[in-house]
Amino acid sequence: MIFNVNGALLDTLVLSIVERADTYGYEITRELRESLEISESTLYPVLRRLQKDACLEIYDKEFSGRNRRYYSITDRGKCQLKMYRNEWKNYRDKINNIVEEGDNCE
C-alpha cells in the first residue's frame, strides 16, 4: 500500500478487530496483514498505548501448555472507537469528494 497508516487509524483498526471478539496480538497482526503491510513490532506499541489509555484490557489464557495474552475492549475503548468511526466517515467522504471527482482516465 502506498498510503501511510497513522496512529489514529491503527488505533481504529485494532479497536475494531478486538471489538468483534477478544483476541491475541498475532491474530490481530494476521488480520491487519490482509489489508496492510504491518509487523508485530509496529502493532505491540499500539496495543500497549491502548491498554495504557484504558481502551483495552489484557488477560492471559492457557493455550497448548503456555499462556497467551488476550486483549478485550473496554467501555472507554468502545466510546473511543465510536468517535474514530465518526471521524473516519467524515474524512473518507471529504477525500472521496476530491479524489473521485477527477476520475476521467481510461
PDB file of N, CA and C in Angstrom:
ATOM      1  N   MET A   1       0.856  -1.179   0.000  1.00  0.00           N
ATOM      2  CA  MET A   1       0.000   0.000   0.000  1.00  0.00           C
ATOM      3  C   MET A   1       0.898   1.236   0.000  1.00  0.00           C
ATOM      4  N   ILE A   2       0.559   2.196  -0.801  1.00  0.00           N
ATOM      5  CA  ILE A   2       1.395   3.388  -0.911  1.00  0.00           C
ATOM      6  C   ILE A   2       0.996   4.484   0.064  1.00  0.00           C
ATOM      7  N   PHE A   3      -0.150   4.337   0.713  1.00  0.00           N
ATOM      8  CA  PHE A   3      -0.599   5.345   1.661  1.00  0.00           C
ATOM      9  C   PHE A   3      -0.159   4.966   3.073  1.00  0.00           C
ATOM     10  N   ASN A   4       0.297   5.959   3.823  1.00  0.00           N
ATOM     11  CA  ASN A   4       0.739   5.715   5.194  1.00  0.00           C
ATOM     12  C   ASN A   4      -0.458   5.513   6.123  1.00  0.00           C
ATOM     13  N   VAL A   5      -0.248   4.689   7.107  1.00  0.00           N
ATOM     14  CA  VAL A   5      -1.258   4.451   8.128  1.00  0.00           C
ATOM     15  C   VAL A   5      -0.760   5.118   9.398  1.00  0.00           C
ATOM     16  N   ASN A   6      -1.499   6.110   9.881  1.00  0.00           N
ATOM     17  CA  ASN A   6      -1.050   6.835  11.071  1.00  0.00           C
ATOM     18  C   ASN A   6      -1.577   6.178  12.348  1.00  0.00           C
ATOM     19  N   GLY A   7      -1.196   6.755  13.476  1.00  0.00           N
ATOM     20  CA  GLY A   7      -1.547   6.190  14.774  1.00  0.00           C
ATOM     21  C   GLY A   7      -3.035   6.087  15.016  1.00  0.00           C
ATOM     22  N   ALA A   8      -3.779   7.136  14.680  1.00  0.00           N
ATOM     23  CA  ALA A   8      -5.223   7.119  14.923  1.00  0.00           C
ATOM     24  C   ALA A   8      -5.907   6.040  14.091  1.00  0.00           C
ATOM     25  N   LEU A   9      -5.452   5.874  12.856  1.00  0.00           N
ATOM     26  CA  LEU A   9      -6.051   4.847  12.011  1.00  0.00           C
ATOM     27  C   LEU A   9      -5.702   3.451  12.525  1.00  0.00           C
ATOM     28  N   LEU A  10      -4.480   3.250  12.963  1.00  0.00           N
ATOM     29  CA  LEU A  10      -4.111   1.953  13.551  1.00  0.00           C
ATOM     30  C   LEU A  10      -4.935   1.668  14.805  1.00  0.00           C
ATOM     31  N   ASP A  11      -5.107   2.687  15.645  1.00  0.00           N
ATOM     32  CA  ASP A  11      -5.940   2.516  16.840  1.00  0.00           C
ATOM     33  C   ASP A  11      -7.348   2.078  16.445  1.00  0.00           C
ATOM     34  N   THR A  12      -7.900   2.738  15.423  1.00  0.00           N
ATOM     35  CA  THR A  12      -9.251   2.423  14.961  1.00  0.00           C
ATOM     36  C   THR A  12      -9.334   0.984  14.476  1.00  0.00           C
ATOM     37  N   LEU A  13      -8.355   0.568  13.699  1.00  0.00           N
ATOM     38  CA  LEU A  13      -8.355  -0.794  13.164  1.00  0.00           C
ATOM     39  C   LEU A  13      -8.230  -1.832  14.274  1.00  0.00           C
ATOM     40  N   VAL A  14      -7.321  -1.596  15.208  1.00  0.00           N
ATOM     41  CA  VAL A  14      -7.129  -2.544  16.314  1.00  0.00           C
ATOM     42  C   VAL A  14      -8.387  -2.627  17.173  1.00  0.00           C
ATOM     43  N   LEU A  15      -8.942  -1.485  17.543  1.00  0.00           N
ATOM     44  CA  LEU A  15     -10.154  -1.496  18.360  1.00  0.00           C
ATOM     45  C   LEU A  15     -11.308  -2.177  17.628  1.00  0.00           C
ATOM     46  N   SER A  16     -11.399  -1.983  16.322  1.00  0.00           N
ATOM     47  CA  SER A  16     -12.457  -2.627  15.544  1.00  0.00           C
ATOM     48  C   SER A  16     -12.313  -4.146  15.559  1.00  0.00           C
ATOM     49  N   ILE A  17     -11.093  -4.625  15.443  1.00  0.00           N
ATOM     50  CA  ILE A  17     -10.850  -6.071  15.468  1.00  0.00           C
ATOM     51  C   ILE A  17     -11.174  -6.639  16.847  1.00  0.00           C
ATOM     52  N   VAL A  18     -10.696  -5.985  17.885  1.00  0.00           N
ATOM     53  CA  VAL A  18     -10.898  -6.503  19.242  1.00  0.00           C
ATOM     54  C   VAL A  18     -12.359  -6.375  19.666  1.00  0.00           C
ATOM     55  N   GLU A  19     -13.068  -5.411  19.106  1.00  0.00           N
ATOM     56  CA  GLU A  19     -14.498  -5.268  19.432  1.00  0.00           C
ATOM     57  C   GLU A  19     -15.291  -6.499  19.006  1.00  0.00           C
ATOM     58  N   ARG A  20     -14.902  -7.117  17.889  1.00  0.00           N
ATOM     59  CA  ARG A  20     -15.613  -8.291  17.393  1.00  0.00           C
ATOM     60  C   ARG A  20     -15.477  -9.482  18.328  1.00  0.00           C
ATOM     61  N   ALA A  21     -14.274  -9.643  18.896  1.00  0.00           N
ATOM     62  CA  ALA A  21     -14.023 -10.756  19.819  1.00  0.00           C
ATOM     63  C   ALA A  21     -12.666 -10.544  20.472  1.00  0.00           C
ATOM     64  N   ASP A  22     -12.553 -10.953  21.734  1.00  0.00           N
ATOM     65  CA  ASP A  22     -11.251 -10.913  22.400  1.00  0.00           C
ATOM     66  C   ASP A  22     -10.270 -11.721  21.556  1.00  0.00           C
ATOM     67  N   THR A  23      -9.068 -11.211  21.439  1.00  0.00           N
ATOM     68  CA  THR A  23      -8.091 -11.892  20.607  1.00  0.00           C
ATOM     69  C   THR A  23      -6.682 -11.562  21.069  1.00  0.00           C
ATOM     70  N   TYR A  24      -5.696 -12.190  20.479  1.00  0.00           N
ATOM     71  CA  TYR A  24      -4.300 -12.022  20.889  1.00  0.00           C
ATOM     72  C   TYR A  24      -3.523 -11.314  19.775  1.00  0.00           C
ATOM     73  N   GLY A  25      -2.344 -10.841  20.117  1.00  0.00           N
ATOM     74  CA  GLY A  25      -1.564  -9.985  19.245  1.00  0.00           C
ATOM     75  C   GLY A  25      -1.276 -10.561  17.872  1.00  0.00           C
ATOM     76  N   TYR A  26      -0.852 -11.812  17.799  1.00  0.00           N
ATOM     77  CA  TYR A  26      -0.521 -12.381  16.493  1.00  0.00           C
ATOM     78  C   TYR A  26      -1.757 -12.435  15.602  1.00  0.00           C
ATOM     79  N   GLU A  27      -2.883 -12.756  16.172  1.00  0.00           N
ATOM     80  CA  GLU A  27      -4.126 -12.835  15.389  1.00  0.00           C
ATOM     81  C   GLU A  27      -4.531 -11.450  14.876  1.00  0.00           C
ATOM     82  N   ILE A  28      -4.333 -10.418  15.690  1.00  0.00           N
ATOM     83  CA  ILE A  28      -4.617  -9.050  15.250  1.00  0.00           C
ATOM     84  C   ILE A  28      -3.692  -8.696  14.081  1.00  0.00           C
ATOM     85  N   THR A  29      -2.413  -9.018  14.207  1.00  0.00           N
ATOM     86  CA  THR A  29      -1.450  -8.759  13.135  1.00  0.00           C
ATOM     87  C   THR A  29      -1.851  -9.496  11.871  1.00  0.00           C
ATOM     88  N   ARG A  30      -2.212 -10.744  11.988  1.00  0.00           N
ATOM     89  CA  ARG A  30      -2.608 -11.549  10.837  1.00  0.00           C
ATOM     90  C   ARG A  30      -3.805 -10.920  10.117  1.00  0.00           C
ATOM     91  N   GLU A  31      -4.784 -10.487  10.881  1.00  0.00           N
ATOM     92  CA  GLU A  31      -5.972  -9.883  10.272  1.00  0.00           C
ATOM     93  C   GLU A  31      -5.627  -8.553   9.597  1.00  0.00           C
ATOM     94  N   LEU A  32      -4.797  -7.753  10.239  1.00  0.00           N
ATOM     95  CA  LEU A  32      -4.396  -6.479   9.635  1.00  0.00           C
ATOM     96  C   LEU A  32      -3.600  -6.700   8.353  1.00  0.00           C
ATOM     97  N   ARG A  33      -2.787  -7.733   8.332  1.00  0.00           N
ATOM     98  CA  ARG A  33      -1.951  -8.014   7.150  1.00  0.00           C
ATOM     99  C   ARG A  33      -2.776  -8.373   5.918  1.00  0.00           C
ATOM    100  N   GLU A  34      -4.038  -8.704   6.095  1.00  0.00           N
ATOM    101  CA  GLU A  34      -4.899  -8.967   4.950  1.00  0.00           C
ATOM    102  C   GLU A  34      -5.118  -7.693   4.133  1.00  0.00           C
ATOM    103  N   SER A  35      -4.940  -6.524   4.779  1.00  0.00           N
ATOM    104  CA  SER A  35      -5.171  -5.245   4.111  1.00  0.00           C
ATOM    105  C   SER A  35      -3.967  -4.322   4.117  1.00  0.00           C
ATOM    106  N   LEU A  36      -3.081  -4.481   5.089  1.00  0.00           N
ATOM    107  CA  LEU A  36      -1.953  -3.568   5.275  1.00  0.00           C
ATOM    108  C   LEU A  36      -0.651  -4.337   5.415  1.00  0.00           C
ATOM    109  N   GLU A  37       0.437  -3.635   5.156  1.00  0.00           N
ATOM    110  CA  GLU A  37       1.744  -4.188   5.485  1.00  0.00           C
ATOM    111  C   GLU A  37       2.084  -3.709   6.889  1.00  0.00           C
ATOM    112  N   ILE A  38       2.070  -4.625   7.833  1.00  0.00           N
ATOM    113  CA  ILE A  38       2.326  -4.264   9.227  1.00  0.00           C
ATOM    114  C   ILE A  38       3.058  -5.405   9.906  1.00  0.00           C
ATOM    115  N   SER A  39       3.949  -5.053  10.807  1.00  0.00           N
ATOM    116  CA  SER A  39       4.696  -6.071  11.536  1.00  0.00           C
ATOM    117  C   SER A  39       4.221  -6.093  12.989  1.00  0.00           C
ATOM    118  N   GLU A  40       4.541  -7.182  13.647  1.00  0.00           N
ATOM    119  CA  GLU A  40       4.205  -7.269  15.067  1.00  0.00           C
ATOM    120  C   GLU A  40       4.927  -6.185  15.861  1.00  0.00           C
ATOM    121  N   SER A  41       6.125  -5.817  15.439  1.00  0.00           N
ATOM    122  CA  SER A  41       6.873  -4.780  16.154  1.00  0.00           C
ATOM    123  C   SER A  41       6.192  -3.416  16.035  1.00  0.00           C
ATOM    124  N   THR A  42       5.389  -3.220  15.014  1.00  0.00           N
ATOM    125  CA  THR A  42       4.585  -1.998  14.889  1.00  0.00           C
ATOM    126  C   THR A  42       3.336  -2.101  15.743  1.00  0.00           C
ATOM    127  N   LEU A  43       2.753  -3.267  15.794  1.00  0.00           N
ATOM    128  CA  LEU A  43       1.481  -3.458  16.486  1.00  0.00           C
ATOM    129  C   LEU A  43       1.596  -3.376  18.003  1.00  0.00           C
ATOM    130  N   TYR A  44       2.616  -3.986  18.590  1.00  0.00           N
ATOM    131  CA  TYR A  44       2.658  -4.086  20.048  1.00  0.00           C
ATOM    132  C   TYR A  44       2.725  -2.730  20.764  1.00  0.00           C
ATOM    133  N   PRO A  45       3.419  -1.734  20.243  1.00  0.00           N
ATOM    134  CA  PRO A  45       3.334  -0.416  20.883  1.00  0.00           C
ATOM    135  C   PRO A  45       1.913   0.170  20.839  1.00  0.00           C
ATOM    136  N   VAL A  46       1.185  -0.118  19.764  1.00  0.00           N
ATOM    137  CA  VAL A  46      -0.206   0.337  19.661  1.00  0.00           C
ATOM    138  C   VAL A  46      -1.036  -0.334  20.748  1.00  0.00           C
ATOM    139  N   LEU A  47      -0.865  -1.634  20.906  1.00  0.00           N
ATOM    140  CA  LEU A  47      -1.606  -2.367  21.945  1.00  0.00           C
ATOM    141  C   LEU A  47      -1.271  -1.851  23.342  1.00  0.00           C
ATOM    142  N   ARG A  48       0.008  -1.585  23.592  1.00  0.00           N
ATOM    143  CA  ARG A  48       0.407  -1.059  24.912  1.00  0.00           C
ATOM    144  C   ARG A  48      -0.199   0.319  25.159  1.00  0.00           C
ATOM    145  N   ARG A  49      -0.192   1.175  24.130  1.00  0.00           N
ATOM    146  CA  ARG A  49      -0.763   2.514  24.283  1.00  0.00           C
ATOM    147  C   ARG A  49      -2.272   2.440  24.543  1.00  0.00           C
ATOM    148  N   LEU A  50      -2.968   1.581  23.812  1.00  0.00           N
ATOM    149  CA  LEU A  50      -4.408   1.439  24.023  1.00  0.00           C
ATOM    150  C   LEU A  50      -4.716   0.876  25.403  1.00  0.00           C
ATOM    151  N   GLN A  51      -3.852   0.006  25.885  1.00  0.00           N
ATOM    152  CA  GLN A  51      -4.020  -0.511  27.244  1.00  0.00           C
ATOM    153  C   GLN A  51      -3.764   0.600  28.252  1.00  0.00           C
ATOM    154  N   LYS A  52      -2.707   1.367  28.068  1.00  0.00           N
ATOM    155  CA  LYS A  52      -2.378   2.477  28.973  1.00  0.00           C
ATOM    156  C   LYS A  52      -3.499   3.506  29.005  1.00  0.00           C
ATOM    157  N   ASP A  53      -4.144   3.731  27.852  1.00  0.00           N
ATOM    158  CA  ASP A  53      -5.247   4.694  27.757  1.00  0.00           C
ATOM    159  C   ASP A  53      -6.578   4.105  28.207  1.00  0.00           C
ATOM    160  N   ALA A  54      -6.558   2.889  28.742  1.00  0.00           N
ATOM    161  CA  ALA A  54      -7.737   2.197  29.277  1.00  0.00           C
ATOM    162  C   ALA A  54      -8.768   1.872  28.196  1.00  0.00           C
ATOM    163  N   CYS A  55      -8.309   1.711  26.963  1.00  0.00           N
ATOM    164  CA  CYS A  55      -9.199   1.308  25.866  1.00  0.00           C
ATOM    165  C   CYS A  55      -9.217  -0.211  25.696  1.00  0.00           C
ATOM    166  N   LEU A  56      -8.155  -0.851  26.164  1.00  0.00           N
ATOM    167  CA  LEU A  56      -8.055  -2.308  26.117  1.00  0.00           C
ATOM    168  C   LEU A  56      -7.661  -2.838  27.488  1.00  0.00           C
ATOM    169  N   GLU A  57      -8.137  -4.027  27.770  1.00  0.00           N
ATOM    170  CA  GLU A  57      -7.696  -4.769  28.959  1.00  0.00           C
ATOM    171  C   GLU A  57      -7.026  -6.042  28.469  1.00  0.00           C
ATOM    172  N   ILE A  58      -6.137  -6.571  29.279  1.00  0.00           N
ATOM    173  CA  ILE A  58      -5.460  -7.809  28.907  1.00  0.00           C
ATOM    174  C   ILE A  58      -5.727  -8.883  29.946  1.00  0.00           C
ATOM    175  N   TYR A  59      -5.681 -10.108  29.487  1.00  0.00           N
ATOM    176  CA  TYR A  59      -5.735 -11.259  30.383  1.00  0.00           C
ATOM    177  C   TYR A  59      -5.007 -12.400  29.702  1.00  0.00           C
ATOM    178  N   ASP A  60      -4.503 -13.310  30.490  1.00  0.00           N
ATOM    179  CA  ASP A  60      -3.793 -14.469  29.969  1.00  0.00           C
ATOM    180  C   ASP A  60      -4.710 -15.678  30.004  1.00  0.00           C
ATOM    181  N   LYS A  61      -4.553 -16.508  28.973  1.00  0.00           N
ATOM    182  CA  LYS A  61      -5.351 -17.723  28.862  1.00  0.00           C
ATOM    183  C   LYS A  61      -4.428 -18.820  28.352  1.00  0.00           C
ATOM    184  N   GLU A  62      -4.528 -19.996  28.943  1.00  0.00           N
ATOM    185  CA  GLU A  62      -3.656 -21.091  28.540  1.00  0.00           C
ATOM    186  C   GLU A  62      -4.040 -21.609  27.159  1.00  0.00           C
ATOM    187  N   PHE A  63      -3.017 -21.844  26.360  1.00  0.00           N
ATOM    188  CA  PHE A  63      -3.205 -22.406  25.019  1.00  0.00           C
ATOM    189  C   PHE A  63      -2.023 -23.314  24.733  1.00  0.00           C
ATOM    190  N   SER A  64      -2.274 -24.577  24.503  1.00  0.00           N
ATOM    191  CA  SER A  64      -1.234 -25.564  24.193  1.00  0.00           C
ATOM    192  C   SER A  64      -0.111 -25.552  25.226  1.00  0.00           C
ATOM    193  N   GLY A  65      -0.463 -25.485  26.482  1.00  0.00           N
ATOM    194  CA  GLY A  65       0.521 -25.580  27.548  1.00  0.00           C
ATOM    195  C   GLY A  65       1.246 -24.286  27.891  1.00  0.00           C
ATOM    196  N   ARG A  66       0.891 -23.189  27.252  1.00  0.00           N
ATOM    197  CA  ARG A  66       1.518 -21.909  27.601  1.00  0.00           C
ATOM    198  C   ARG A  66       0.456 -20.818  27.623  1.00  0.00           C
ATOM    199  N   ASN A  67       0.809 -19.715  28.242  1.00  0.00           N
ATOM    200  CA  ASN A  67      -0.137 -18.615  28.335  1.00  0.00           C
ATOM    201  C   ASN A  67      -0.098 -17.756  27.081  1.00  0.00           C
ATOM    202  N   ARG A  68      -1.266 -17.360  26.657  1.00  0.00           N
ATOM    203  CA  ARG A  68      -1.406 -16.449  25.523  1.00  0.00           C
ATOM    204  C   ARG A  68      -2.108 -15.197  26.059  1.00  0.00           C
ATOM    205  N   ARG A  69      -1.585 -14.037  25.716  1.00  0.00           N
ATOM    206  CA  ARG A  69      -2.144 -12.766  26.189  1.00  0.00           C
ATOM    207  C   ARG A  69      -3.259 -12.316  25.246  1.00  0.00           C
ATOM    208  N   TYR A  70      -4.444 -12.163  25.818  1.00  0.00           N
ATOM    209  CA  TYR A  70      -5.617 -11.727  25.058  1.00  0.00           C
ATOM    210  C   TYR A  70      -5.943 -10.278  25.384  1.00  0.00           C
ATOM    211  N   TYR A  71      -6.540  -9.616  24.406  1.00  0.00           N
ATOM    212  CA  TYR A  71      -6.958  -8.232  24.550  1.00  0.00           C
ATOM    213  C   TYR A  71      -8.464  -8.165  24.418  1.00  0.00           C
ATOM    214  N   SER A  72      -9.082  -7.369  25.278  1.00  0.00           N
ATOM    215  CA  SER A  72     -10.520  -7.129  25.191  1.00  0.00           C
ATOM    216  C   SER A  72     -10.757  -5.622  25.253  1.00  0.00           C
ATOM    217  N   ILE A  73     -11.800  -5.184  24.584  1.00  0.00           N
ATOM    218  CA  ILE A  73     -12.105  -3.763  24.534  1.00  0.00           C
ATOM    219  C   ILE A  73     -12.886  -3.360  25.786  1.00  0.00           C
ATOM    220  N   THR A  74     -12.606  -2.200  26.303  1.00  0.00           N
ATOM    221  CA  THR A  74     -13.295  -1.673  27.477  1.00  0.00           C
ATOM    222  C   THR A  74     -14.418  -0.736  27.021  1.00  0.00           C
ATOM    223  N   ASP A  75     -15.227  -0.289  27.981  1.00  0.00           N
ATOM    224  CA  ASP A  75     -16.264   0.692  27.648  1.00  0.00           C
ATOM    225  C   ASP A  75     -15.639   1.970  27.101  1.00  0.00           C
ATOM    226  N   ARG A  76     -14.528   2.369  27.685  1.00  0.00           N
ATOM    227  CA  ARG A  76     -13.825   3.552  27.184  1.00  0.00           C
ATOM    228  C   ARG A  76     -13.330   3.314  25.752  1.00  0.00           C
ATOM    229  N   GLY A  77     -12.846   2.118  25.482  1.00  0.00           N
ATOM    230  CA  GLY A  77     -12.407   1.770  24.139  1.00  0.00           C
ATOM    231  C   GLY A  77     -13.554   1.806  23.144  1.00  0.00           C
ATOM    232  N   LYS A  78     -14.735   1.360  23.558  1.00  0.00           N
ATOM    233  CA  LYS A  78     -15.908   1.409  22.683  1.00  0.00           C
ATOM    234  C   LYS A  78     -16.300   2.852  22.373  1.00  0.00           C
ATOM    235  N   CYS A  79     -16.219   3.721  23.360  1.00  0.00           N
ATOM    236  CA  CYS A  79     -16.506   5.147  23.126  1.00  0.00           C
ATOM    237  C   CYS A  79     -15.476   5.757  22.188  1.00  0.00           C
ATOM    238  N   GLN A  80     -14.221   5.416  22.389  1.00  0.00           N
ATOM    239  CA  GLN A  80     -13.150   5.922  21.530  1.00  0.00           C
ATOM    240  C   GLN A  80     -13.350   5.431  20.100  1.00  0.00           C
ATOM    241  N   LEU A  81     -13.714   4.176  19.958  1.00  0.00           N
ATOM    242  CA  LEU A  81     -13.944   3.602  18.636  1.00  0.00           C
ATOM    243  C   LEU A  81     -15.115   4.287  17.941  1.00  0.00           C
ATOM    244  N   LYS A  82     -16.160   4.579  18.676  1.00  0.00           N
ATOM    245  CA  LYS A  82     -17.312   5.292  18.098  1.00  0.00           C
ATOM    246  C   LYS A  82     -16.872   6.653  17.560  1.00  0.00           C
ATOM    247  N   MET A  83     -16.056   7.369  18.324  1.00  0.00           N
ATOM    248  CA  MET A  83     -15.553   8.667  17.890  1.00  0.00           C
ATOM    249  C   MET A  83     -14.682   8.508  16.647  1.00  0.00           C
ATOM    250  N   TYR A  84     -13.784   7.510  16.647  1.00  0.00           N
ATOM    251  CA  TYR A  84     -12.932   7.260  15.491  1.00  0.00           C
ATOM    252  C   TYR A  84     -13.761   6.945  14.251  1.00  0.00           C
ATOM    253  N   ARG A  85     -14.801   6.144  14.411  1.00  0.00           N
ATOM    254  CA  ARG A  85     -15.640   5.789  13.261  1.00  0.00           C
ATOM    255  C   ARG A  85     -16.331   7.019  12.674  1.00  0.00           C
ATOM    256  N   ASN A  86     -16.821   7.887  13.533  1.00  0.00           N
ATOM    257  CA  ASN A  86     -17.449   9.121  13.049  1.00  0.00           C
ATOM    258  C   ASN A  86     -16.442   9.987  12.308  1.00  0.00           C
ATOM    259  N   GLU A  87     -15.252  10.120  12.878  1.00  0.00           N
ATOM    260  CA  GLU A  87     -14.203  10.905  12.235  1.00  0.00           C
ATOM    261  C   GLU A  87     -13.789  10.273  10.907  1.00  0.00           C
ATOM    262  N   TRP A  88     -13.704   8.942  10.878  1.00  0.00           N
ATOM    263  CA  TRP A  88     -13.326   8.248   9.656  1.00  0.00           C
ATOM    264  C   TRP A  88     -14.351   8.512   8.551  1.00  0.00           C
ATOM    265  N   LYS A  89     -15.631   8.428   8.868  1.00  0.00           N
ATOM    266  CA  LYS A  89     -16.672   8.671   7.864  1.00  0.00           C
ATOM    267  C   LYS A  89     -16.562  10.082   7.298  1.00  0.00           C
ATOM    268  N   ASN A  90     -16.351  11.064   8.156  1.00  0.00           N
ATOM    269  CA  ASN A  90     -16.197  12.439   7.682  1.00  0.00           C
ATOM    270  C   ASN A  90     -14.962  12.573   6.797  1.00  0.00           C
ATOM    271  N   TYR A  91     -13.852  12.027   7.235  1.00  0.00           N
ATOM    272  CA  TYR A  91     -12.599  12.086   6.489  1.00  0.00           C
ATOM    273  C   TYR A  91     -12.748  11.386   5.137  1.00  0.00           C
ATOM    274  N   ARG A  92     -13.294  10.177   5.165  1.00  0.00           N
ATOM    275  CA  ARG A  92     -13.480   9.388   3.948  1.00  0.00           C
ATOM    276  C   ARG A  92     -14.341  10.136   2.932  1.00  0.00           C
ATOM    277  N   ASP A  93     -15.427  10.719   3.398  1.00  0.00           N
ATOM    278  CA  ASP A  93     -16.310  11.450   2.496  1.00  0.00           C
ATOM    279  C   ASP A  93     -15.611  12.654   1.872  1.00  0.00           C
ATOM    280  N   LYS A  94     -14.853  13.391   2.662  1.00  0.00           N
ATOM    281  CA  LYS A  94     -14.132  14.555   2.136  1.00  0.00           C
ATOM    282  C   LYS A  94     -13.084  14.142   1.114  1.00  0.00           C
ATOM    283  N   ILE A  95     -12.336  13.092   1.414  1.00  0.00           N
ATOM    284  CA  ILE A  95     -11.311  12.607   0.488  1.00  0.00           C
ATOM    285  C   ILE A  95     -11.962  12.078  -0.787  1.00  0.00           C
ATOM    286  N   ASN A  96     -13.032  11.317  -0.660  1.00  0.00           N
ATOM    287  CA  ASN A  96     -13.725  10.787  -1.835  1.00  0.00           C
ATOM    288  C   ASN A  96     -14.243  11.905  -2.735  1.00  0.00           C
ATOM    289  N   ASN A  97     -14.738  12.971  -2.140  1.00  0.00           N
ATOM    290  CA  ASN A  97     -15.230  14.099  -2.940  1.00  0.00           C
ATOM    291  C   ASN A  97     -14.126  14.682  -3.805  1.00  0.00           C
ATOM    292  N   ILE A  98     -12.923  14.713  -3.288  1.00  0.00           N
ATOM    293  CA  ILE A  98     -11.797  15.257  -4.054  1.00  0.00           C
ATOM    294  C   ILE A  98     -11.278  14.236  -5.063  1.00  0.00           C
ATOM    295  N   VAL A  99     -11.011  13.037  -4.608  1.00  0.00           N
ATOM    296  CA  VAL A  99     -10.362  12.022  -5.438  1.00  0.00           C
ATOM    297  C   VAL A  99     -11.280  11.535  -6.561  1.00  0.00           C
ATOM    298  N   GLU A 100     -12.519  11.267  -6.271  1.00  0.00           N
ATOM    299  CA  GLU A 100     -13.401  10.666  -7.267  1.00  0.00           C
ATOM    300  C   GLU A 100     -13.908  11.658  -8.298  1.00  0.00           C
ATOM    301  N   GLU A 101     -13.802  12.941  -8.030  1.00  0.00           N
ATOM    302  CA  GLU A 101     -14.252  13.971  -8.959  1.00  0.00           C
ATOM    303  C   GLU A 101     -13.507  13.916 -10.278  1.00  0.00           C
ATOM    304  N   GLY A 102     -12.230  13.649 -10.230  1.00  0.00           N
ATOM    305  CA  GLY A 102     -11.399  13.698 -11.430  1.00  0.00           C
ATOM    306  C   GLY A 102     -11.132  12.344 -12.059  1.00  0.00           C
ATOM    307  N   ASP A 103     -11.977  11.357 -11.874  1.00  0.00           N
ATOM    308  CA  ASP A 103     -11.745  10.004 -12.371  1.00  0.00           C
ATOM    309  C   ASP A 103     -12.161   9.877 -13.835  1.00  0.00           C
ATOM    310  N   ASN A 104     -11.412  10.550 -14.763  1.00  0.00           N
ATOM    311  CA  ASN A 104     -11.758  10.553 -16.188  1.00  0.00           C
ATOM    312  C   ASN A 104     -10.791   9.723 -17.031  1.00  0.00           C
ATOM    313  N   CYS A 105      -9.812   9.115 -16.470  1.00  0.00           N
ATOM    314  CA  CYS A 105      -8.782   8.385 -17.206  1.00  0.00           C
ATOM    315  C   CYS A 105      -9.326   7.029 -17.665  1.00  0.00           C
ATOM    316  N   GLU A 106      -9.030   6.709 -18.915  1.00  0.00           N
ATOM    317  CA  GLU A 106      -9.495   5.411 -19.438  1.00  0.00           C
ATOM    318  C   GLU A 106      -8.357   4.443 -19.593  1.00  0.00           C
TER     319      GLU A 106
END
